[in-house]
């Protein structure tokens, strides 16, 4: 398959993992999103984005993607987190980092950690990090699901603190 505008391979012989695709496309959509925009206008922008970013052999996948992403953004755009972002000063999007990191106690080796931070922003004079998640989980599963991101919540603030010489108020 050929590569499209969003950089996603589109091989018609391979089954589409809708959840992974929703996650990838949601990140890319938010890379260009103006958080101070009126969220009532997002549906047209989302439809156009999907049409440009992902072109399967049939329109079925685009329709399903639109429905899934509409649900994700419908929840996100009405959340307190989004309300904060709408008033925040965005300092960086998809910010790559690479930092030395201590290995496990048993090896005592230094490792290099790298990644991309979805969003670094300032709100009320304090520094924050946001990382988009599109996982479907029940409220009762939230504590368990949060555990899988524990390491990320340790590394990202440390990378930002080292780079910007500022403490991170929250992740």
Protein backbone atom coordinates (compact mmCIF):
# COMPACT_ATOMS: atom_id res chain seq x y z
CA UNK A 1 0.00 0.00 0.00
CA UNK A 2 1.00 3.61 -0.43
CA UNK A 3 1.70 6.13 2.25
CA UNK A 4 -0.93 8.83 2.71
CA UNK A 5 -0.79 12.38 4.11
CA UNK A 6 -0.82 11.25 7.73
CA UNK A 7 2.08 8.90 7.08
CA UNK A 8 0.04 5.74 7.70
CA UNK A 9 0.54 2.69 5.53
CA UNK A 10 -2.66 1.55 3.88
CA UNK A 11 -2.28 -2.09 2.82
CA UNK A 12 -5.70 -3.41 1.71
CA UNK A 13 -4.60 -7.02 2.29
CA UNK A 14 -4.02 -6.38 6.01
CA UNK A 15 -6.98 -6.15 8.40
CA UNK A 16 -7.33 -2.68 9.91
CA UNK A 17 -6.89 -2.37 13.67
CA UNK A 18 -9.47 0.37 14.22
CA UNK A 19 -8.39 1.07 17.83
CA UNK A 20 -4.76 1.63 16.87
CA UNK A 21 -5.78 3.72 13.88
CA UNK A 22 -8.09 5.88 16.03
CA UNK A 23 -5.20 6.48 18.43
CA UNK A 24 -2.74 7.40 15.68
CA UNK A 25 -5.15 9.67 13.84
CA UNK A 26 -6.39 11.32 17.05
CA UNK A 27 -2.80 12.27 17.93
CA UNK A 28 -2.25 13.71 14.47
CA UNK A 29 -5.54 15.62 14.54
CA UNK A 30 -4.63 17.17 17.89
CA UNK A 31 -1.15 18.15 16.61
CA UNK A 32 -2.84 20.78 14.44
CA UNK A 33 -5.82 21.58 16.67
CA UNK A 34 -6.16 25.11 18.05
CA UNK A 35 -7.39 24.56 21.61
CA UNK A 36 -8.98 28.01 21.63
CA UNK A 37 -11.18 27.04 18.62
CA UNK A 38 -14.91 26.70 18.94
CA UNK A 39 -15.34 22.95 19.36
CA UNK A 40 -18.68 23.10 17.53
CA UNK A 41 -16.69 23.34 14.30
CA UNK A 42 -14.64 20.19 14.79
CA UNK A 43 -16.89 17.71 12.93
CA UNK A 44 -16.28 19.25 9.49
CA UNK A 45 -12.55 19.53 10.22
CA UNK A 46 -12.45 15.95 11.47
CA UNK A 47 -14.23 14.63 8.38
CA UNK A 48 -11.84 16.46 6.06
CA UNK A 49 -8.83 15.31 8.11
CA UNK A 50 -9.88 11.63 7.93
CA UNK A 51 -10.53 11.88 4.19
CA UNK A 52 -7.02 13.27 3.65
CA UNK A 53 -5.22 11.12 6.21
CA UNK A 54 -6.56 7.67 5.49
CA UNK A 55 -7.76 6.32 2.16
CA UNK A 56 -8.85 2.70 2.25
CA UNK A 57 -10.19 0.83 -0.79
CA UNK A 58 -13.74 1.30 0.53
CA UNK A 59 -15.38 4.15 2.44
CA UNK A 60 -16.47 1.77 5.19
CA UNK A 61 -13.32 2.25 7.25
CA UNK A 62 -13.47 6.04 6.97
CA UNK A 63 -17.06 6.02 8.20
CA UNK A 64 -16.15 3.82 11.14
CA UNK A 65 -13.10 5.97 11.92
CA UNK A 66 -15.22 9.11 11.87
CA UNK A 67 -17.76 7.56 14.28
CA UNK A 68 -15.06 6.37 16.66
CA UNK A 69 -13.14 9.66 16.59
CA UNK A 70 -16.34 11.68 16.94
CA UNK A 71 -17.04 9.77 20.15
CA UNK A 72 -13.49 10.31 21.46
CA UNK A 73 -13.50 14.04 20.73
CA UNK A 74 -17.09 14.51 21.89
CA UNK A 75 -16.00 13.34 25.35
CA UNK A 76 -12.64 15.15 25.28
CA UNK A 77 -14.00 18.52 24.10
CA UNK A 78 -16.55 18.58 26.93
CA UNK A 79 -14.04 17.59 29.63
CA UNK A 80 -12.45 19.75 32.36
CA UNK A 81 -9.05 18.82 30.88
CA UNK A 82 -10.00 20.39 27.56
CA UNK A 83 -11.40 23.46 29.31
CA UNK A 84 -7.97 23.93 30.92
CA UNK A 85 -6.16 23.45 27.59
CA UNK A 86 -8.41 26.03 25.95
CA UNK A 87 -7.06 28.61 28.40
CA UNK A 88 -3.47 27.36 28.44
CA UNK A 89 -0.37 28.57 26.66
CA UNK A 90 0.84 25.68 24.49
CA UNK A 91 4.63 25.44 24.68
CA UNK A 92 5.20 22.30 22.60
CA UNK A 93 3.48 19.49 20.73
CA UNK A 94 4.93 16.07 19.99
CA UNK A 95 8.16 17.09 21.70
CA UNK A 96 10.90 14.47 21.26
CA UNK A 97 13.31 13.81 24.11
CA UNK A 98 16.23 11.58 24.98
CA UNK A 99 17.67 11.49 28.49
CA UNK A 100 19.99 9.27 30.51
CA UNK A 101 18.01 7.13 32.94
CA UNK A 102 19.15 4.81 35.72
CA UNK A 103 18.58 1.14 34.98
CA UNK A 104 17.07 -1.42 37.31
CA UNK A 105 18.66 -1.69 40.73
CA UNK A 106 19.93 -5.20 39.97
CA UNK A 107 21.92 -4.01 36.94
CA UNK A 108 22.80 -0.50 38.16
CA UNK A 109 23.38 0.47 34.52
CA UNK A 110 22.45 3.76 33.04
CA UNK A 111 20.03 3.56 30.12
CA UNK A 112 18.81 6.09 27.62
CA UNK A 113 15.08 6.82 27.59
CA UNK A 114 13.47 8.46 24.62
CA UNK A 115 9.98 9.31 23.50
CA UNK A 116 7.63 12.05 22.42
CA UNK A 117 5.61 14.18 24.79
CA UNK A 118 2.22 14.92 23.27
CA UNK A 119 1.79 18.35 24.83
CA UNK A 120 3.68 20.69 27.14
CA UNK A 121 1.69 23.67 28.32
CA UNK A 122 1.54 26.42 30.88
CA UNK A 123 -1.62 27.13 32.84
CA UNK A 124 -1.92 29.73 35.59
CA UNK A 125 1.87 30.15 35.53
CA UNK A 126 2.55 26.47 36.15
CA UNK A 127 4.00 23.86 33.79
CA UNK A 128 2.04 20.74 32.77
CA UNK A 129 2.38 17.73 30.49
CA UNK A 130 -0.51 16.09 28.66
CA UNK A 131 -0.42 12.69 27.04
CA UNK A 132 -3.39 11.67 24.93
CA UNK A 133 -4.91 8.26 25.55
CA UNK A 134 -7.72 6.79 23.46
CA UNK A 135 -8.07 3.51 25.37
CA UNK A 136 -11.62 2.35 26.11
CA UNK A 137 -11.85 1.54 29.79
CA UNK A 138 -14.59 1.41 32.38
CA UNK A 139 -14.40 3.73 35.39
CA UNK A 140 -13.85 0.70 37.61
CA UNK A 141 -10.78 -0.23 35.51
CA UNK A 142 -9.20 3.22 35.73
CA UNK A 143 -6.77 2.52 38.62
CA UNK A 144 -5.47 -0.62 36.92
CA UNK A 145 -5.18 1.07 33.53
CA UNK A 146 -3.30 4.02 35.07
CA UNK A 147 -0.64 1.62 36.38
CA UNK A 148 0.54 0.81 32.87
CA UNK A 149 1.44 4.49 32.35
CA UNK A 150 3.23 4.88 35.69
CA UNK A 151 6.74 4.76 34.17
CA UNK A 152 5.76 7.32 31.55
CA UNK A 153 4.48 9.63 34.31
CA UNK A 154 7.91 9.42 35.97
CA UNK A 155 10.06 9.87 32.86
CA UNK A 156 8.23 12.67 31.02
CA UNK A 157 8.27 15.22 33.86
CA UNK A 158 11.94 14.49 34.51
CA UNK A 159 12.78 15.05 30.82
CA UNK A 160 10.89 18.37 30.84
CA UNK A 161 12.46 19.43 34.15
CA UNK A 162 15.96 18.77 32.79
CA UNK A 163 15.30 20.55 29.49
CA UNK A 164 13.42 23.59 30.77
CA UNK A 165 14.92 23.84 34.26
CA UNK A 166 11.39 24.09 35.67
CA UNK A 167 9.33 21.84 37.86
CA UNK A 168 6.29 20.17 36.30
CA UNK A 169 3.10 20.78 38.30
CA UNK A 170 1.23 17.81 36.86
CA UNK A 171 1.00 15.16 34.21
